[in-house]
Amino acid sequence: WWFCRQCHERRGDAIAYLMWRDGTTFLDACSALGNAIAATNSKGSAKRTPVTPMTREHDTEPPSPVWQNQAGKFVAWTVEQLWQNDAALAYLRGRGLADETTRSAKLGYNPREMYRDGSSWGLQPEAGGKERRVWLPRGWVIPCEVSNHLRYVKVRRANELAGNAAKYIAISGSKKA
């Protein structure tokens, strides 16, 4: 099964995914997956019609240098916090992450929820002039660098903190490549 939470509202099985991604027919998608016989009904015709191929809008620009600087400081601080917190480190080890992997990925831990002024992170005020705030939730910090630019920082919240809300929170100003 697949479900895209970013660029498309659909979900489905492997066949539906190929139909969406490549704009193929049901029969062609089944053939690509190695089962052309199952792709036909008793009359030998395809059961499904092609769908529009996947399209994505990409923001190719990294976040502002001001954001990258502030986010970089936050990530560095959370890396220090992780290595001082045995319980937070044990969680990552329990998930199968080796210490070397944790270090090379610059994973960190934010021990407390914090808010920062958005202007200090280079974020513009909201419509109507309301100042933005940057929420830095408590949890495991996951930075992503692309071409030596910090593109986004996510925080994996503990299950008991997330409740029914999202487990992964992208820090305001993050941009996926």
N, C-alpha and C. Protein backbone atom coordinates (compact mmCIF):
# COMPACT_ATOMS: atom_id res chain seq x y z
N TRP A 1 0.83 -1.19 0.00
CA TRP A 1 0.00 0.00 0.00
C TRP A 1 0.86 1.24 0.00
N TRP A 2 0.37 2.31 -0.61
CA TRP A 2 1.06 3.59 -0.60
C TRP A 2 0.04 4.67 -0.26
N PHE A 3 0.54 5.73 0.33
CA PHE A 3 -0.27 6.88 0.66
C PHE A 3 0.64 8.08 0.72
N CYS A 4 0.43 9.04 -0.15
CA CYS A 4 1.29 10.22 -0.19
C CYS A 4 0.66 11.32 0.66
N ARG A 5 1.42 11.81 1.62
CA ARG A 5 0.91 12.87 2.48
C ARG A 5 1.38 14.24 2.02
N GLN A 6 2.08 14.29 0.91
CA GLN A 6 2.67 15.54 0.45
C GLN A 6 2.01 16.08 -0.82
N CYS A 7 2.05 15.31 -1.89
CA CYS A 7 1.72 15.86 -3.19
C CYS A 7 0.47 15.27 -3.82
N HIS A 8 -0.18 14.35 -3.17
CA HIS A 8 -1.34 13.72 -3.79
C HIS A 8 -2.26 13.19 -2.71
N GLU A 9 -3.55 13.30 -2.92
CA GLU A 9 -4.51 12.88 -1.91
C GLU A 9 -4.88 11.41 -2.02
N ARG A 10 -4.38 10.71 -3.02
CA ARG A 10 -4.79 9.32 -3.23
C ARG A 10 -3.95 8.35 -2.44
N ARG A 11 -4.45 7.13 -2.39
CA ARG A 11 -3.73 6.01 -1.79
C ARG A 11 -4.14 4.77 -2.57
N GLY A 12 -3.42 3.67 -2.36
CA GLY A 12 -3.80 2.45 -3.07
C GLY A 12 -2.74 1.39 -2.98
N ASP A 13 -2.89 0.41 -3.86
CA ASP A 13 -1.95 -0.70 -3.91
C ASP A 13 -0.84 -0.40 -4.92
N ALA A 14 0.04 -1.38 -5.15
CA ALA A 14 1.17 -1.18 -6.06
C ALA A 14 0.70 -0.88 -7.48
N ILE A 15 -0.38 -1.49 -7.89
CA ILE A 15 -0.90 -1.25 -9.24
C ILE A 15 -1.37 0.20 -9.36
N ALA A 16 -2.16 0.64 -8.39
CA ALA A 16 -2.65 2.02 -8.41
C ALA A 16 -1.49 3.02 -8.38
N TYR A 17 -0.43 2.67 -7.62
CA TYR A 17 0.73 3.56 -7.55
C TYR A 17 1.37 3.72 -8.92
N LEU A 18 1.61 2.63 -9.63
CA LEU A 18 2.22 2.72 -10.96
C LEU A 18 1.32 3.46 -11.93
N MET A 19 0.01 3.23 -11.83
CA MET A 19 -0.92 3.95 -12.70
C MET A 19 -0.83 5.44 -12.46
N TRP A 20 -0.74 5.83 -11.18
CA TRP A 20 -0.66 7.25 -10.83
C TRP A 20 0.70 7.84 -11.21
N ARG A 21 1.78 7.15 -10.79
CA ARG A 21 3.11 7.68 -11.02
C ARG A 21 3.45 7.77 -12.51
N ASP A 22 3.13 6.73 -13.29
CA ASP A 22 3.54 6.66 -14.68
C ASP A 22 2.43 7.00 -15.67
N GLY A 23 1.20 7.10 -15.18
CA GLY A 23 0.08 7.37 -16.08
C GLY A 23 -0.23 6.19 -16.98
N THR A 24 0.03 4.98 -16.50
CA THR A 24 -0.17 3.77 -17.31
C THR A 24 -1.58 3.22 -17.12
N THR A 25 -1.92 2.24 -17.95
CA THR A 25 -3.19 1.55 -17.80
C THR A 25 -3.05 0.49 -16.71
N PHE A 26 -4.16 -0.04 -16.30
CA PHE A 26 -4.17 -1.11 -15.30
C PHE A 26 -3.36 -2.31 -15.81
N LEU A 27 -3.60 -2.68 -17.06
CA LEU A 27 -2.91 -3.84 -17.64
C LEU A 27 -1.40 -3.62 -17.68
N ASP A 28 -0.97 -2.41 -18.10
CA ASP A 28 0.47 -2.13 -18.16
C ASP A 28 1.10 -2.12 -16.77
N ALA A 29 0.38 -1.60 -15.79
CA ALA A 29 0.91 -1.60 -14.42
C ALA A 29 1.07 -3.03 -13.91
N CYS A 30 0.07 -3.88 -14.18
CA CYS A 30 0.17 -5.28 -13.77
C CYS A 30 1.34 -5.97 -14.47
N SER A 31 1.51 -5.69 -15.75
CA SER A 31 2.62 -6.28 -16.50
C SER A 31 3.96 -5.85 -15.91
N ALA A 32 4.06 -4.58 -15.56
CA ALA A 32 5.30 -4.08 -14.97
C ALA A 32 5.59 -4.76 -13.65
N LEU A 33 4.53 -5.18 -12.96
CA LEU A 33 4.71 -5.87 -11.68
C LEU A 33 4.82 -7.38 -11.86
N GLY A 34 4.74 -7.84 -13.11
CA GLY A 34 4.97 -9.25 -13.40
C GLY A 34 3.73 -10.14 -13.35
N ASN A 35 2.53 -9.59 -13.53
CA ASN A 35 1.33 -10.42 -13.49
C ASN A 35 0.31 -9.93 -14.50
N ALA A 36 0.61 -10.06 -15.79
CA ALA A 36 -0.29 -9.58 -16.84
C ALA A 36 -1.56 -10.41 -16.92
N ILE A 37 -1.50 -11.69 -16.60
CA ILE A 37 -2.69 -12.55 -16.69
C ILE A 37 -3.77 -12.10 -15.73
N ALA A 38 -3.40 -11.74 -14.51
CA ALA A 38 -4.38 -11.31 -13.52
C ALA A 38 -4.95 -9.94 -13.85
N ALA A 39 -4.34 -9.25 -14.79
CA ALA A 39 -4.77 -7.90 -15.10
C ALA A 39 -5.97 -7.85 -16.02
N THR A 40 -6.41 -8.96 -16.53
CA THR A 40 -7.54 -8.94 -17.45
C THR A 40 -8.74 -9.63 -16.82
N ASN A 41 -9.93 -9.16 -17.23
CA ASN A 41 -11.12 -9.86 -16.77
C ASN A 41 -11.45 -10.95 -17.77
N SER A 42 -12.59 -11.55 -17.68
CA SER A 42 -12.93 -12.68 -18.54
C SER A 42 -12.97 -12.30 -20.01
N LYS A 43 -13.17 -11.05 -20.34
CA LYS A 43 -13.20 -10.61 -21.74
C LYS A 43 -11.83 -10.17 -22.22
N GLY A 44 -10.83 -10.16 -21.32
CA GLY A 44 -9.48 -9.81 -21.71
C GLY A 44 -9.20 -8.32 -21.78
N SER A 45 -10.08 -7.50 -21.23
CA SER A 45 -9.85 -6.06 -21.27
C SER A 45 -9.40 -5.57 -19.90
N ALA A 46 -8.76 -4.43 -19.89
CA ALA A 46 -8.28 -3.88 -18.62
C ALA A 46 -9.45 -3.48 -17.74
N LYS A 47 -9.30 -3.69 -16.43
CA LYS A 47 -10.37 -3.37 -15.48
C LYS A 47 -10.36 -1.90 -15.09
N ARG A 48 -9.22 -1.24 -15.16
CA ARG A 48 -9.12 0.15 -14.72
C ARG A 48 -8.62 1.02 -15.86
N THR A 49 -8.92 2.29 -15.80
CA THR A 49 -8.46 3.22 -16.82
C THR A 49 -7.27 4.01 -16.28
N PRO A 50 -6.44 4.57 -17.18
CA PRO A 50 -5.26 5.32 -16.72
C PRO A 50 -5.65 6.55 -15.90
N VAL A 51 -4.75 6.95 -15.02
CA VAL A 51 -4.95 8.17 -14.24
C VAL A 51 -3.88 9.18 -14.64
N THR A 52 -4.07 10.40 -14.28
CA THR A 52 -3.11 11.46 -14.59
C THR A 52 -1.79 11.17 -13.89
N PRO A 53 -0.65 11.27 -14.60
CA PRO A 53 0.65 11.02 -13.96
C PRO A 53 0.90 11.98 -12.81
N MET A 54 1.76 11.54 -11.91
CA MET A 54 2.14 12.31 -10.73
C MET A 54 2.86 13.59 -11.15
N THR A 55 2.53 14.67 -10.49
CA THR A 55 3.27 15.91 -10.67
C THR A 55 3.59 16.45 -9.29
N ARG A 56 4.74 17.06 -9.16
CA ARG A 56 5.17 17.62 -7.89
C ARG A 56 5.73 19.00 -8.11
N GLU A 57 5.41 19.86 -7.19
CA GLU A 57 6.04 21.17 -7.19
C GLU A 57 7.19 21.11 -6.21
N HIS A 58 8.38 21.48 -6.67
CA HIS A 58 9.55 21.46 -5.81
C HIS A 58 10.00 22.88 -5.53
N ASP A 59 10.31 23.14 -4.30
CA ASP A 59 10.91 24.40 -3.91
C ASP A 59 12.41 24.14 -3.90
N THR A 60 13.09 24.68 -4.87
CA THR A 60 14.52 24.37 -5.01
C THR A 60 15.41 25.24 -4.14
N GLU A 61 14.86 26.31 -3.59
CA GLU A 61 15.66 27.20 -2.76
C GLU A 61 15.69 26.71 -1.31
N PRO A 62 16.87 26.68 -0.71
CA PRO A 62 16.94 26.31 0.71
C PRO A 62 16.36 27.43 1.56
N PRO A 63 16.10 27.17 2.82
CA PRO A 63 15.65 28.24 3.71
C PRO A 63 16.70 29.35 3.79
N SER A 64 16.29 30.49 4.30
CA SER A 64 17.19 31.65 4.37
C SER A 64 18.42 31.33 5.21
N PRO A 65 19.52 32.04 4.95
CA PRO A 65 20.71 31.85 5.77
C PRO A 65 20.45 32.09 7.26
N VAL A 66 19.57 33.05 7.57
CA VAL A 66 19.24 33.32 8.97
C VAL A 66 18.58 32.09 9.58
N TRP A 67 17.62 31.49 8.86
CA TRP A 67 16.96 30.28 9.36
C TRP A 67 17.97 29.15 9.53
N GLN A 68 18.81 28.96 8.52
CA GLN A 68 19.80 27.88 8.60
C GLN A 68 20.74 28.07 9.79
N ASN A 69 21.12 29.29 10.05
CA ASN A 69 22.00 29.58 11.19
C ASN A 69 21.31 29.22 12.51
N GLN A 70 20.08 29.69 12.69
CA GLN A 70 19.35 29.42 13.93
C GLN A 70 19.05 27.93 14.07
N ALA A 71 18.60 27.32 12.98
CA ALA A 71 18.30 25.89 13.03
C ALA A 71 19.57 25.09 13.29
N GLY A 72 20.69 25.51 12.70
CA GLY A 72 21.96 24.83 12.94
C GLY A 72 22.39 24.90 14.40
N LYS A 73 22.18 26.05 15.02
CA LYS A 73 22.49 26.19 16.45
C LYS A 73 21.60 25.28 17.29
N PHE A 74 20.31 25.24 16.93
CA PHE A 74 19.37 24.38 17.65
C PHE A 74 19.79 22.91 17.51
N VAL A 75 20.11 22.48 16.29
CA VAL A 75 20.51 21.10 16.06
C VAL A 75 21.77 20.78 16.88
N ALA A 76 22.76 21.65 16.83
CA ALA A 76 24.01 21.41 17.58
C ALA A 76 23.72 21.28 19.08
N TRP A 77 22.85 22.15 19.60
CA TRP A 77 22.50 22.09 21.02
C TRP A 77 21.80 20.77 21.34
N THR A 78 20.88 20.34 20.46
CA THR A 78 20.15 19.10 20.74
C THR A 78 21.05 17.86 20.63
N VAL A 79 22.08 17.92 19.80
CA VAL A 79 23.04 16.81 19.72
C VAL A 79 23.73 16.66 21.08
N GLU A 80 24.15 17.79 21.66
CA GLU A 80 24.77 17.74 23.00
C GLU A 80 23.79 17.18 24.03
N GLN A 81 22.53 17.61 23.94
CA GLN A 81 21.52 17.15 24.90
C GLN A 81 21.30 15.64 24.80
N LEU A 82 21.30 15.13 23.57
CA LEU A 82 21.08 13.69 23.37
C LEU A 82 22.14 12.87 24.09
N TRP A 83 23.42 13.26 23.93
CA TRP A 83 24.51 12.47 24.50
C TRP A 83 24.61 12.62 26.02
N GLN A 84 23.80 13.52 26.58
CA GLN A 84 23.74 13.66 28.04
C GLN A 84 22.48 13.03 28.63
N ASN A 85 21.63 12.47 27.77
CA ASN A 85 20.36 11.93 28.21
C ASN A 85 20.30 10.43 27.89
N ASP A 86 20.58 9.60 28.90
CA ASP A 86 20.65 8.15 28.68
C ASP A 86 19.34 7.57 28.16
N ALA A 87 18.21 8.07 28.64
CA ALA A 87 16.91 7.53 28.22
C ALA A 87 16.65 7.85 26.75
N ALA A 88 16.96 9.07 26.33
CA ALA A 88 16.75 9.46 24.94
C ALA A 88 17.66 8.67 24.01
N LEU A 89 18.88 8.46 24.43
CA LEU A 89 19.83 7.68 23.65
C LEU A 89 19.41 6.21 23.59
N ALA A 90 18.91 5.69 24.70
CA ALA A 90 18.45 4.30 24.74
C ALA A 90 17.29 4.08 23.77
N TYR A 91 16.43 5.09 23.62
CA TYR A 91 15.32 4.97 22.68
C TYR A 91 15.85 4.75 21.27
N LEU A 92 16.83 5.56 20.85
CA LEU A 92 17.38 5.42 19.50
C LEU A 92 18.09 4.08 19.33
N ARG A 93 18.83 3.66 20.34
CA ARG A 93 19.49 2.36 20.28
C ARG A 93 18.46 1.24 20.19
N GLY A 94 17.37 1.39 20.93
CA GLY A 94 16.29 0.40 20.89
C GLY A 94 15.61 0.32 19.54
N ARG A 95 15.69 1.40 18.77
CA ARG A 95 15.13 1.42 17.41
C ARG A 95 16.13 0.87 16.39
N GLY A 96 17.29 0.41 16.88
CA GLY A 96 18.28 -0.22 16.01
C GLY A 96 19.32 0.72 15.45
N LEU A 97 19.38 1.96 15.95
CA LEU A 97 20.37 2.91 15.45
C LEU A 97 21.68 2.77 16.22
N ALA A 98 22.75 2.56 15.49
CA ALA A 98 24.08 2.50 16.10
C ALA A 98 24.51 3.91 16.47
N ASP A 99 25.37 4.03 17.47
CA ASP A 99 25.86 5.34 17.90
C ASP A 99 26.52 6.08 16.74
N GLU A 100 27.25 5.37 15.90
CA GLU A 100 27.92 5.99 14.75
C GLU A 100 26.89 6.60 13.79
N THR A 101 25.80 5.90 13.58
CA THR A 101 24.73 6.41 12.71
C THR A 101 24.10 7.65 13.33
N THR A 102 23.85 7.60 14.61
CA THR A 102 23.25 8.74 15.32
C THR A 102 24.15 9.97 15.21
N ARG A 103 25.46 9.76 15.37
CA ARG A 103 26.41 10.88 15.26
C ARG A 103 26.46 11.42 13.83
N SER A 104 26.60 10.53 12.86
CA SER A 104 26.76 10.99 11.47
C SER A 104 25.50 11.68 10.95
N ALA A 105 24.33 11.29 11.44
CA ALA A 105 23.08 11.92 11.02
C ALA A 105 22.78 13.19 11.81
N LYS A 106 23.62 13.48 12.80
CA LYS A 106 23.45 14.65 13.67
C LYS A 106 22.09 14.64 14.37
N LEU A 107 21.66 13.44 14.78
CA LEU A 107 20.40 13.33 15.51
C LEU A 107 20.58 13.95 16.89
N GLY A 108 19.53 14.54 17.40
CA GLY A 108 19.60 15.18 18.69
C GLY A 108 18.35 14.93 19.51
N TYR A 109 18.30 15.55 20.66
CA TYR A 109 17.14 15.42 21.53
C TYR A 109 16.86 16.77 22.18
N ASN A 110 15.63 17.23 22.04
CA ASN A 110 15.20 18.46 22.70
C ASN A 110 14.43 18.06 23.95
N PRO A 111 14.97 18.33 25.14
CA PRO A 111 14.35 17.85 26.37
C PRO A 111 13.12 18.63 26.82
N ARG A 112 12.88 19.79 26.21
CA ARG A 112 11.72 20.58 26.65
C ARG A 112 11.14 21.38 25.47
N GLU A 113 9.85 21.57 25.51
CA GLU A 113 9.17 22.37 24.50
C GLU A 113 9.58 23.83 24.64
N MET A 114 9.86 24.46 23.50
CA MET A 114 10.27 25.87 23.52
C MET A 114 9.62 26.60 22.35
N TYR A 115 9.51 27.90 22.50
CA TYR A 115 9.05 28.77 21.42
C TYR A 115 10.10 29.85 21.21
N ARG A 116 10.30 30.22 19.96
CA ARG A 116 11.23 31.29 19.64
C ARG A 116 10.53 32.31 18.74
N ASP A 117 11.02 33.52 18.76
CA ASP A 117 10.50 34.59 17.93
C ASP A 117 10.83 34.26 16.47
N GLY A 118 9.83 34.25 15.61
CA GLY A 118 10.03 33.90 14.21
C GLY A 118 10.93 34.86 13.47
N SER A 119 10.92 36.14 13.83
CA SER A 119 11.77 37.11 13.12
C SER A 119 13.24 36.80 13.35
N SER A 120 13.59 36.26 14.53
CA SER A 120 14.99 35.91 14.78
C SER A 120 15.42 34.70 13.96
N TRP A 121 14.43 33.98 13.41
CA TRP A 121 14.71 32.85 12.52
C TRP A 121 14.55 33.25 11.05
N GLY A 122 14.33 34.54 10.81
CA GLY A 122 14.19 35.03 9.44
C GLY A 122 12.83 34.79 8.83
N LEU A 123 11.81 34.51 9.66
CA LEU A 123 10.47 34.26 9.15
C LEU A 123 9.67 35.55 9.11
N GLN A 124 8.94 35.73 8.02
CA GLN A 124 8.11 36.91 7.84
C GLN A 124 6.85 36.81 8.69
N PRO A 125 6.29 37.95 9.11
CA PRO A 125 5.03 37.92 9.87
C PRO A 125 3.91 37.31 9.04
N GLU A 126 2.90 36.79 9.72
CA GLU A 126 1.73 36.24 9.05
C GLU A 126 0.93 37.37 8.42
N ALA A 127 -0.06 37.00 7.60
CA ALA A 127 -0.96 38.00 7.02
C ALA A 127 -1.61 38.76 8.16
N GLY A 128 -1.70 40.05 8.03
CA GLY A 128 -2.25 40.87 9.09
C GLY A 128 -1.19 41.38 10.05
N GLY A 129 0.07 41.02 9.82
CA GLY A 129 1.15 41.55 10.64
C GLY A 129 1.46 40.80 11.92
N LYS A 130 0.73 39.71 12.17
CA LYS A 130 0.98 38.95 13.40
C LYS A 130 2.35 38.27 13.31
N GLU A 131 3.15 38.47 14.35
CA GLU A 131 4.49 37.86 14.38
C GLU A 131 4.37 36.33 14.46
N ARG A 132 5.25 35.65 13.74
CA ARG A 132 5.28 34.19 13.78
C ARG A 132 6.17 33.72 14.92
N ARG A 133 5.81 32.58 15.45
CA ARG A 133 6.64 31.94 16.48
C ARG A 133 7.13 30.61 15.93
N VAL A 134 8.30 30.22 16.36
CA VAL A 134 8.87 28.92 15.97
C VAL A 134 8.70 27.99 17.15
N TRP A 135 7.94 26.92 16.94
CA TRP A 135 7.71 25.92 17.97
C TRP A 135 8.79 24.87 17.86
N LEU A 136 9.50 24.63 18.95
CA LEU A 136 10.55 23.62 19.03
C LEU A 136 10.05 22.57 20.03
N PRO A 137 9.31 21.57 19.53
CA PRO A 137 8.72 20.59 20.44
C PRO A 137 9.75 19.69 21.08
N ARG A 138 9.38 19.11 22.19
CA ARG A 138 10.22 18.13 22.87
C ARG A 138 10.24 16.86 22.04
N GLY A 139 11.42 16.28 21.89
CA GLY A 139 11.53 15.02 21.16
C GLY A 139 12.88 14.87 20.47
N TRP A 140 12.96 13.87 19.63
CA TRP A 140 14.19 13.54 18.91
C TRP A 140 14.28 14.40 17.66
N VAL A 141 15.41 15.04 17.47
CA VAL A 141 15.59 16.02 16.40
C VAL A 141 16.28 15.35 15.21
N ILE A 142 15.69 15.56 14.03
CA ILE A 142 16.19 14.93 12.81
C ILE A 142 16.43 16.03 11.77
N PRO A 143 17.69 16.42 11.57
CA PRO A 143 17.98 17.44 10.56
C PRO A 143 18.19 16.81 9.18
N CYS A 144 17.99 17.60 8.15
CA CYS A 144 18.25 17.14 6.79
C CYS A 144 19.04 18.21 6.05
N GLU A 145 20.21 17.81 5.57
CA GLU A 145 21.04 18.70 4.77
C GLU A 145 21.03 18.22 3.33
N VAL A 146 20.92 19.16 2.40
CA VAL A 146 21.00 18.87 0.97
C VAL A 146 22.00 19.86 0.39
N SER A 147 23.02 19.35 -0.26
CA SER A 147 24.07 20.19 -0.87
C SER A 147 24.62 21.21 0.12
N ASN A 148 24.95 20.74 1.32
CA ASN A 148 25.54 21.55 2.38
C ASN A 148 24.64 22.68 2.88
N HIS A 149 23.34 22.54 2.65
CA HIS A 149 22.36 23.49 3.18
C HIS A 149 21.41 22.73 4.08
N LEU A 150 21.16 23.26 5.26
CA LEU A 150 20.16 22.68 6.14
C LEU A 150 18.81 23.00 5.55
N ARG A 151 18.08 21.97 5.10
CA ARG A 151 16.81 22.18 4.41
C ARG A 151 15.62 22.12 5.37
N TYR A 152 15.66 21.13 6.25
CA TYR A 152 14.57 21.05 7.23
C TYR A 152 15.05 20.37 8.49
N VAL A 153 14.28 20.61 9.54
CA VAL A 153 14.51 19.96 10.82
C VAL A 153 13.15 19.45 11.28
N LYS A 154 13.10 18.15 11.56
CA LYS A 154 11.89 17.55 12.09
C LYS A 154 12.14 17.10 13.52
N VAL A 155 11.07 17.04 14.28
CA VAL A 155 11.15 16.53 15.64
C VAL A 155 10.18 15.37 15.74
N ARG A 156 10.71 14.22 16.17
CA ARG A 156 9.90 13.02 16.40
C ARG A 156 9.46 13.07 17.86
N ARG A 157 8.19 13.30 18.05
CA ARG A 157 7.65 13.42 19.40
C ARG A 157 7.39 12.03 19.97
N ALA A 158 7.51 11.91 21.27
CA ALA A 158 7.19 10.65 21.95
C ALA A 158 5.70 10.38 21.80
N ASN A 159 5.33 9.12 21.73
CA ASN A 159 3.93 8.75 21.53
C ASN A 159 3.01 9.40 22.56
N GLU A 160 3.44 9.42 23.80
CA GLU A 160 2.58 10.00 24.84
C GLU A 160 2.43 11.51 24.70
N LEU A 161 3.38 12.16 24.04
CA LEU A 161 3.28 13.60 23.81
C LEU A 161 2.43 13.91 22.59
N ALA A 162 2.55 13.07 21.58
CA ALA A 162 1.83 13.32 20.33
C ALA A 162 0.34 13.04 20.48
N GLY A 163 -0.01 12.01 21.25
CA GLY A 163 -1.42 11.65 21.36
C GLY A 163 -1.98 11.34 19.99
N ASN A 164 -3.05 12.01 19.61
CA ASN A 164 -3.63 11.83 18.28
C ASN A 164 -3.04 12.80 17.27
N ALA A 165 -2.15 13.67 17.70
CA ALA A 165 -1.53 14.64 16.80
C ALA A 165 -0.37 13.99 16.05
N ALA A 166 0.23 14.75 15.16
CA ALA A 166 1.34 14.24 14.36
C ALA A 166 2.53 13.88 15.24
N LYS A 167 3.18 12.77 14.90
CA LYS A 167 4.38 12.36 15.63
C LYS A 167 5.59 13.16 15.16
N TYR A 168 5.61 13.52 13.88
CA TYR A 168 6.73 14.26 13.31
C TYR A 168 6.29 15.69 13.02
N ILE A 169 7.03 16.63 13.57
CA ILE A 169 6.74 18.04 13.39
C ILE A 169 7.93 18.69 12.68
N ALA A 170 7.66 19.32 11.54
CA ALA A 170 8.71 20.10 10.85
C ALA A 170 8.73 21.48 11.48
N ILE A 171 9.90 21.93 11.83
CA ILE A 171 10.06 23.24 12.43
C ILE A 171 9.73 24.31 11.40
N SER A 172 9.02 25.34 11.81
CA SER A 172 8.63 26.43 10.90
C SER A 172 9.83 26.94 10.12
N GLY A 173 9.63 27.12 8.83
CA GLY A 173 10.70 27.59 7.96
C GLY A 173 11.42 26.47 7.24
N SER A 174 11.18 25.22 7.65
CA SER A 174 11.78 24.07 6.97
C SER A 174 11.27 24.00 5.54
N LYS A 175 12.12 23.53 4.63
CA LYS A 175 11.71 23.36 3.24
C LYS A 175 12.20 22.02 2.74
N LYS A 176 11.28 21.21 2.26
CA LYS A 176 11.68 19.94 1.67
C LYS A 176 12.20 20.19 0.26
N ALA A 177 13.25 19.46 -0.08
CA ALA A 177 13.82 19.61 -1.43
C ALA A 177 13.00 18.83 -2.42
